Amino acid sequence: SPFDLVEGRGKENLLDPRAEYGALKFAFFIVADRIRLFTFAVFFAAGYLGGHAWPWSHLHEYDGSAARSFLDAMAQGILLFAKTVLVLWAANRLRWAWPRLRPVDLTSFAWRWLLPAAILNFLWVAALIAGGVLR
């Protein structure tokens, strides 16, 4: 909605935590953002890309030797790291390619499209409830 956007004049923006950072606060902000992105990439690689499993790994037999299991564990760790780096690369490419929008454009979009869409959605659901389709 238009009320979520940070838009103000003069001293109003100084109360916003995103207005200005000192060097150390900005460094903490960047490090926290990178840790968040790395954590997301690890969970995404583990949850959606198969984690440490090789593609088509269910087709191979396991012989059970200790040396083989150590090498497999090392290879699986490297594979999870490689998948994590792939997700980090894709996330950064998306972040760098996404256009930055001015606050004026976002406010205009919110007032012209999002607010009328929310009102229409409210009226549609109210009509469905009044008609007995939804309870």
N, C-alpha and C. Protein backbone atom coordinates (compact mmCIF):
# COMPACT_ATOMS: atom_id res chain seq x y z
N SER A 1 0.84 -1.18 0.00
CA SER A 1 0.00 0.00 0.00
C SER A 1 0.88 1.24 0.00
N PRO A 2 0.32 2.38 -0.32
CA PRO A 2 1.13 3.59 -0.35
C PRO A 2 1.65 4.00 1.02
N PHE A 3 1.07 3.47 2.07
CA PHE A 3 1.46 3.90 3.41
C PHE A 3 2.71 3.18 3.92
N ASP A 4 3.18 2.14 3.21
CA ASP A 4 4.37 1.41 3.61
C ASP A 4 5.66 2.04 3.11
N LEU A 5 5.56 2.94 2.15
CA LEU A 5 6.75 3.47 1.50
C LEU A 5 7.38 4.58 2.32
N VAL A 6 8.70 4.63 2.27
CA VAL A 6 9.44 5.68 2.97
C VAL A 6 9.52 6.88 2.05
N GLU A 7 8.73 7.86 2.34
CA GLU A 7 8.70 9.07 1.51
C GLU A 7 8.44 10.24 2.44
N GLY A 8 9.28 11.23 2.40
CA GLY A 8 9.09 12.37 3.27
C GLY A 8 9.88 13.55 2.78
N ARG A 9 9.73 14.65 3.46
CA ARG A 9 10.41 15.88 3.08
C ARG A 9 11.28 16.34 4.25
N GLY A 10 12.49 16.74 3.94
CA GLY A 10 13.35 17.38 4.92
C GLY A 10 13.72 16.51 6.10
N LYS A 11 13.37 16.98 7.30
CA LYS A 11 13.80 16.31 8.53
C LYS A 11 13.04 15.02 8.81
N GLU A 12 11.96 14.77 8.08
CA GLU A 12 11.22 13.52 8.31
C GLU A 12 12.07 12.31 7.99
N ASN A 13 12.93 12.40 6.98
CA ASN A 13 13.75 11.27 6.58
C ASN A 13 14.88 10.98 7.55
N LEU A 14 15.22 11.92 8.41
CA LEU A 14 16.31 11.69 9.35
C LEU A 14 15.91 10.71 10.45
N LEU A 15 14.62 10.51 10.64
CA LEU A 15 14.17 9.56 11.64
C LEU A 15 14.18 8.14 11.12
N ASP A 16 14.38 7.97 9.83
CA ASP A 16 14.38 6.66 9.22
C ASP A 16 15.74 5.99 9.43
N PRO A 17 15.77 4.72 9.86
CA PRO A 17 17.07 4.06 10.07
C PRO A 17 17.84 3.84 8.77
N ARG A 18 17.16 3.89 7.62
CA ARG A 18 17.85 3.68 6.35
C ARG A 18 18.43 4.97 5.79
N ALA A 19 18.29 6.07 6.49
CA ALA A 19 18.69 7.37 5.95
C ALA A 19 20.20 7.48 5.81
N GLU A 20 20.95 7.15 6.85
CA GLU A 20 22.38 7.34 6.79
C GLU A 20 23.05 6.42 7.81
N TYR A 21 24.16 5.86 7.41
CA TYR A 21 24.94 5.00 8.30
C TYR A 21 26.33 5.60 8.45
N GLY A 22 26.90 5.43 9.65
CA GLY A 22 28.31 5.70 9.82
C GLY A 22 29.09 4.53 9.25
N ALA A 23 30.41 4.59 9.26
CA ALA A 23 31.22 3.56 8.64
C ALA A 23 31.03 2.20 9.31
N LEU A 24 31.04 2.14 10.63
CA LEU A 24 30.93 0.87 11.32
C LEU A 24 29.52 0.31 11.23
N LYS A 25 28.51 1.17 11.35
CA LYS A 25 27.13 0.69 11.21
C LYS A 25 26.88 0.18 9.80
N PHE A 26 27.42 0.86 8.82
CA PHE A 26 27.25 0.41 7.44
C PHE A 26 27.97 -0.91 7.22
N ALA A 27 29.15 -1.08 7.80
CA ALA A 27 29.87 -2.35 7.68
C ALA A 27 29.08 -3.49 8.33
N PHE A 28 28.49 -3.25 9.50
CA PHE A 28 27.65 -4.27 10.13
C PHE A 28 26.44 -4.59 9.28
N PHE A 29 25.86 -3.58 8.66
CA PHE A 29 24.71 -3.79 7.79
C PHE A 29 25.09 -4.66 6.60
N ILE A 30 26.22 -4.38 5.96
CA ILE A 30 26.66 -5.15 4.80
C ILE A 30 27.02 -6.57 5.20
N VAL A 31 27.73 -6.75 6.32
CA VAL A 31 28.09 -8.09 6.78
C VAL A 31 26.84 -8.89 7.13
N ALA A 32 25.89 -8.27 7.80
CA ALA A 32 24.64 -8.97 8.13
C ALA A 32 23.88 -9.36 6.86
N ASP A 33 23.89 -8.49 5.86
CA ASP A 33 23.22 -8.81 4.61
C ASP A 33 23.90 -9.98 3.90
N ARG A 34 25.22 -10.02 3.90
CA ARG A 34 25.96 -11.13 3.27
C ARG A 34 25.75 -12.44 4.03
N ILE A 35 25.70 -12.38 5.35
CA ILE A 35 25.43 -13.59 6.14
C ILE A 35 24.03 -14.10 5.86
N ARG A 36 23.07 -13.19 5.75
CA ARG A 36 21.70 -13.59 5.43
C ARG A 36 21.62 -14.23 4.06
N LEU A 37 22.31 -13.65 3.08
CA LEU A 37 22.30 -14.20 1.73
C LEU A 37 23.00 -15.56 1.69
N PHE A 38 24.11 -15.73 2.40
CA PHE A 38 24.81 -17.01 2.44
C PHE A 38 23.95 -18.07 3.12
N THR A 39 23.28 -17.72 4.21
CA THR A 39 22.40 -18.66 4.89
C THR A 39 21.25 -19.09 3.99
N PHE A 40 20.67 -18.13 3.28
CA PHE A 40 19.62 -18.45 2.32
C PHE A 40 20.15 -19.40 1.25
N ALA A 41 21.35 -19.13 0.75
CA ALA A 41 21.91 -19.96 -0.32
C ALA A 41 22.16 -21.39 0.15
N VAL A 42 22.66 -21.56 1.38
CA VAL A 42 22.90 -22.90 1.91
C VAL A 42 21.58 -23.65 2.05
N PHE A 43 20.58 -23.01 2.64
CA PHE A 43 19.29 -23.69 2.81
C PHE A 43 18.62 -23.97 1.47
N PHE A 44 18.75 -23.07 0.51
CA PHE A 44 18.16 -23.30 -0.81
C PHE A 44 18.87 -24.46 -1.51
N ALA A 45 20.21 -24.48 -1.43
CA ALA A 45 20.96 -25.57 -2.06
C ALA A 45 20.65 -26.91 -1.39
N ALA A 46 20.50 -26.89 -0.07
CA ALA A 46 20.19 -28.14 0.64
C ALA A 46 18.76 -28.59 0.41
N GLY A 47 17.84 -27.66 0.36
CA GLY A 47 16.43 -28.02 0.26
C GLY A 47 15.93 -28.26 -1.14
N TYR A 48 16.40 -27.47 -2.10
CA TYR A 48 15.84 -27.54 -3.45
C TYR A 48 16.80 -28.09 -4.49
N LEU A 49 18.09 -28.07 -4.24
CA LEU A 49 19.05 -28.57 -5.22
C LEU A 49 19.66 -29.91 -4.82
N GLY A 50 19.12 -30.55 -3.80
CA GLY A 50 19.60 -31.87 -3.42
C GLY A 50 20.74 -31.87 -2.43
N GLY A 51 21.17 -30.71 -1.97
CA GLY A 51 22.21 -30.63 -0.94
C GLY A 51 23.51 -31.27 -1.36
N HIS A 52 23.92 -32.29 -0.62
CA HIS A 52 25.21 -32.92 -0.87
C HIS A 52 25.12 -34.06 -1.88
N ALA A 53 23.94 -34.37 -2.38
CA ALA A 53 23.77 -35.50 -3.29
C ALA A 53 24.18 -35.14 -4.71
N TRP A 54 24.87 -36.07 -5.34
CA TRP A 54 25.21 -35.91 -6.74
C TRP A 54 23.96 -36.12 -7.58
N PRO A 55 23.91 -35.51 -8.74
CA PRO A 55 22.80 -35.84 -9.63
C PRO A 55 22.87 -37.31 -10.03
N TRP A 56 21.78 -37.98 -10.04
CA TRP A 56 21.66 -39.41 -10.35
C TRP A 56 22.47 -40.28 -9.40
N SER A 57 22.64 -39.84 -8.15
CA SER A 57 23.43 -40.62 -7.18
C SER A 57 22.71 -41.89 -6.74
N HIS A 58 21.42 -41.96 -6.93
CA HIS A 58 20.68 -43.16 -6.54
C HIS A 58 20.96 -44.32 -7.48
N LEU A 59 21.65 -44.09 -8.60
CA LEU A 59 21.94 -45.16 -9.55
C LEU A 59 23.22 -45.91 -9.24
N HIS A 60 24.05 -45.39 -8.31
CA HIS A 60 25.35 -45.99 -8.03
C HIS A 60 25.29 -46.87 -6.79
N GLU A 61 26.07 -47.93 -6.81
CA GLU A 61 26.19 -48.83 -5.66
C GLU A 61 27.22 -48.28 -4.68
N TYR A 62 27.06 -48.56 -3.40
CA TYR A 62 28.01 -48.14 -2.37
C TYR A 62 28.70 -49.38 -1.84
N ASP A 63 30.06 -49.39 -1.86
CA ASP A 63 30.80 -50.60 -1.44
C ASP A 63 31.08 -50.64 0.06
N GLY A 64 30.94 -49.54 0.81
CA GLY A 64 31.05 -49.56 2.25
C GLY A 64 32.45 -49.43 2.81
N SER A 65 33.47 -49.20 2.00
CA SER A 65 34.83 -49.09 2.54
C SER A 65 35.02 -47.73 3.22
N ALA A 66 35.90 -47.70 4.24
CA ALA A 66 36.11 -46.48 5.02
C ALA A 66 36.77 -45.39 4.19
N ALA A 67 37.76 -45.75 3.38
CA ALA A 67 38.44 -44.74 2.55
C ALA A 67 37.46 -44.16 1.55
N ARG A 68 36.63 -45.01 1.01
CA ARG A 68 35.64 -44.54 0.04
C ARG A 68 34.63 -43.61 0.71
N SER A 69 34.23 -43.90 1.93
CA SER A 69 33.25 -43.05 2.61
C SER A 69 33.85 -41.68 2.95
N PHE A 70 35.16 -41.65 3.30
CA PHE A 70 35.80 -40.37 3.58
C PHE A 70 35.87 -39.52 2.32
N LEU A 71 36.26 -40.14 1.20
CA LEU A 71 36.32 -39.40 -0.06
C LEU A 71 34.93 -38.95 -0.50
N ASP A 72 33.94 -39.79 -0.27
CA ASP A 72 32.57 -39.40 -0.59
C ASP A 72 32.12 -38.22 0.26
N ALA A 73 32.48 -38.23 1.55
CA ALA A 73 32.10 -37.12 2.43
C ALA A 73 32.77 -35.83 1.98
N MET A 74 34.02 -35.89 1.59
CA MET A 74 34.72 -34.70 1.10
C MET A 74 34.07 -34.20 -0.19
N ALA A 75 33.78 -35.12 -1.09
CA ALA A 75 33.16 -34.73 -2.36
C ALA A 75 31.76 -34.15 -2.13
N GLN A 76 31.02 -34.70 -1.19
CA GLN A 76 29.68 -34.19 -0.92
C GLN A 76 29.74 -32.79 -0.31
N GLY A 77 30.72 -32.55 0.57
CA GLY A 77 30.89 -31.21 1.12
C GLY A 77 31.26 -30.20 0.05
N ILE A 78 32.15 -30.60 -0.86
CA ILE A 78 32.52 -29.71 -1.96
C ILE A 78 31.33 -29.47 -2.87
N LEU A 79 30.53 -30.51 -3.09
CA LEU A 79 29.35 -30.35 -3.96
C LEU A 79 28.33 -29.40 -3.33
N LEU A 80 28.09 -29.52 -2.03
CA LEU A 80 27.17 -28.59 -1.36
C LEU A 80 27.71 -27.16 -1.44
N PHE A 81 29.01 -26.99 -1.26
CA PHE A 81 29.61 -25.66 -1.37
C PHE A 81 29.47 -25.12 -2.78
N ALA A 82 29.68 -25.96 -3.79
CA ALA A 82 29.55 -25.52 -5.18
C ALA A 82 28.11 -25.11 -5.49
N LYS A 83 27.14 -25.87 -4.98
CA LYS A 83 25.74 -25.50 -5.19
C LYS A 83 25.41 -24.20 -4.47
N THR A 84 26.00 -23.99 -3.30
CA THR A 84 25.79 -22.75 -2.56
C THR A 84 26.36 -21.56 -3.33
N VAL A 85 27.55 -21.73 -3.89
CA VAL A 85 28.17 -20.67 -4.68
C VAL A 85 27.32 -20.37 -5.92
N LEU A 86 26.75 -21.41 -6.53
CA LEU A 86 25.87 -21.21 -7.68
C LEU A 86 24.64 -20.38 -7.30
N VAL A 87 24.05 -20.68 -6.16
CA VAL A 87 22.88 -19.91 -5.71
C VAL A 87 23.28 -18.49 -5.36
N LEU A 88 24.44 -18.30 -4.72
CA LEU A 88 24.92 -16.94 -4.43
C LEU A 88 25.14 -16.15 -5.71
N TRP A 89 25.73 -16.78 -6.71
CA TRP A 89 25.97 -16.12 -7.98
C TRP A 89 24.65 -15.70 -8.62
N ALA A 90 23.67 -16.62 -8.63
CA ALA A 90 22.37 -16.32 -9.24
C ALA A 90 21.65 -15.21 -8.47
N ALA A 91 21.71 -15.23 -7.14
CA ALA A 91 21.05 -14.20 -6.34
C ALA A 91 21.69 -12.84 -6.57
N ASN A 92 23.01 -12.80 -6.65
CA ASN A 92 23.68 -11.53 -6.90
C ASN A 92 23.43 -11.03 -8.31
N ARG A 93 23.39 -11.92 -9.29
CA ARG A 93 23.07 -11.50 -10.66
C ARG A 93 21.67 -10.89 -10.72
N LEU A 94 20.73 -11.52 -10.02
CA LEU A 94 19.37 -11.00 -9.99
C LEU A 94 19.33 -9.64 -9.29
N ARG A 95 20.07 -9.52 -8.21
CA ARG A 95 20.11 -8.25 -7.47
C ARG A 95 20.74 -7.14 -8.31
N TRP A 96 21.80 -7.46 -9.05
CA TRP A 96 22.47 -6.45 -9.86
C TRP A 96 21.67 -6.08 -11.11
N ALA A 97 20.89 -7.02 -11.62
CA ALA A 97 20.14 -6.76 -12.85
C ALA A 97 18.80 -6.09 -12.58
N TRP A 98 18.29 -6.17 -11.36
CA TRP A 98 16.98 -5.61 -11.04
C TRP A 98 17.07 -4.09 -11.05
N PRO A 99 16.18 -3.41 -11.76
CA PRO A 99 16.27 -1.95 -11.80
C PRO A 99 15.87 -1.31 -10.48
N ARG A 100 16.53 -0.22 -10.16
CA ARG A 100 16.17 0.52 -8.95
C ARG A 100 15.07 1.52 -9.31
N LEU A 101 14.04 1.51 -8.51
CA LEU A 101 12.91 2.40 -8.75
C LEU A 101 12.97 3.57 -7.77
N ARG A 102 12.60 4.72 -8.28
CA ARG A 102 12.56 5.90 -7.43
C ARG A 102 11.34 5.83 -6.51
N PRO A 103 11.42 6.43 -5.33
CA PRO A 103 10.25 6.43 -4.44
C PRO A 103 9.01 7.05 -5.06
N VAL A 104 9.18 8.04 -5.94
CA VAL A 104 8.03 8.65 -6.60
C VAL A 104 7.32 7.64 -7.48
N ASP A 105 8.09 6.81 -8.20
CA ASP A 105 7.49 5.79 -9.05
C ASP A 105 6.75 4.75 -8.23
N LEU A 106 7.34 4.34 -7.10
CA LEU A 106 6.70 3.35 -6.24
C LEU A 106 5.41 3.90 -5.63
N THR A 107 5.44 5.15 -5.21
CA THR A 107 4.24 5.76 -4.63
C THR A 107 3.14 5.88 -5.69
N SER A 108 3.52 6.28 -6.88
CA SER A 108 2.55 6.40 -7.96
C SER A 108 1.94 5.04 -8.29
N PHE A 109 2.76 4.00 -8.37
CA PHE A 109 2.26 2.65 -8.63
C PHE A 109 1.32 2.18 -7.53
N ALA A 110 1.68 2.49 -6.29
CA ALA A 110 0.84 2.06 -5.17
C ALA A 110 -0.51 2.75 -5.18
N TRP A 111 -0.53 4.05 -5.45
CA TRP A 111 -1.81 4.78 -5.45
C TRP A 111 -2.65 4.45 -6.66
N ARG A 112 -2.05 4.27 -7.82
CA ARG A 112 -2.82 4.05 -9.05
C ARG A 112 -3.28 2.62 -9.23
N TRP A 113 -2.51 1.64 -8.77
CA TRP A 113 -2.82 0.25 -9.06
C TRP A 113 -3.08 -0.61 -7.83
N LEU A 114 -2.22 -0.52 -6.82
CA LEU A 114 -2.33 -1.42 -5.68
C LEU A 114 -3.52 -1.11 -4.79
N LEU A 115 -3.77 0.16 -4.51
CA LEU A 115 -4.91 0.52 -3.68
C LEU A 115 -6.25 0.18 -4.35
N PRO A 116 -6.46 0.51 -5.63
CA PRO A 116 -7.70 0.07 -6.27
C PRO A 116 -7.82 -1.46 -6.34
N ALA A 117 -6.72 -2.16 -6.55
CA ALA A 117 -6.77 -3.63 -6.58
C ALA A 117 -7.15 -4.18 -5.21
N ALA A 118 -6.65 -3.58 -4.15
CA ALA A 118 -7.01 -4.04 -2.80
C ALA A 118 -8.48 -3.78 -2.51
N ILE A 119 -8.99 -2.64 -2.95
CA ILE A 119 -10.42 -2.34 -2.73
C ILE A 119 -11.30 -3.31 -3.52
N LEU A 120 -10.93 -3.58 -4.79
CA LEU A 120 -11.68 -4.54 -5.59
C LEU A 120 -11.63 -5.95 -4.98
N ASN A 121 -10.48 -6.33 -4.46
CA ASN A 121 -10.36 -7.64 -3.80
C ASN A 121 -11.26 -7.70 -2.58
N PHE A 122 -11.30 -6.63 -1.80
CA PHE A 122 -12.17 -6.58 -0.63
C PHE A 122 -13.63 -6.71 -1.03
N LEU A 123 -14.04 -5.98 -2.05
CA LEU A 123 -15.43 -6.04 -2.50
C LEU A 123 -15.78 -7.41 -3.08
N TRP A 124 -14.85 -8.03 -3.80
CA TRP A 124 -15.06 -9.36 -4.37
C TRP A 124 -15.26 -10.39 -3.26
N VAL A 125 -14.41 -10.38 -2.27
CA VAL A 125 -14.53 -11.34 -1.17
C VAL A 125 -15.81 -11.07 -0.37
N ALA A 126 -16.16 -9.81 -0.18
CA ALA A 126 -17.40 -9.48 0.52
C ALA A 126 -18.61 -10.00 -0.25
N ALA A 127 -18.57 -9.88 -1.56
CA ALA A 127 -19.69 -10.39 -2.38
C ALA A 127 -19.76 -11.90 -2.32
N LEU A 128 -18.62 -12.58 -2.32
CA LEU A 128 -18.62 -14.04 -2.20
C LEU A 128 -19.15 -14.49 -0.85
N ILE A 129 -18.80 -13.77 0.20
CA ILE A 129 -19.31 -14.13 1.53
C ILE A 129 -20.81 -13.85 1.61
N ALA A 130 -21.24 -12.71 1.08
CA ALA A 130 -22.67 -12.38 1.11
C ALA A 130 -23.49 -13.34 0.24
N GLY A 131 -22.90 -13.84 -0.83
CA GLY A 131 -23.60 -14.79 -1.68
C GLY A 131 -23.60 -16.21 -1.17
N GLY A 132 -22.88 -16.46 -0.09
CA GLY A 132 -22.86 -17.79 0.50
C GLY A 132 -21.84 -18.73 -0.10
N VAL A 133 -21.01 -18.25 -1.01
CA VAL A 133 -19.97 -19.09 -1.61
C VAL A 133 -18.87 -19.38 -0.60
N LEU A 134 -18.48 -18.35 0.15
CA LEU A 134 -17.47 -18.50 1.20
C LEU A 134 -18.12 -18.36 2.56
N ARG A 135 -17.55 -19.02 3.52
CA ARG A 135 -18.06 -18.91 4.89
C ARG A 135 -17.06 -18.23 5.77
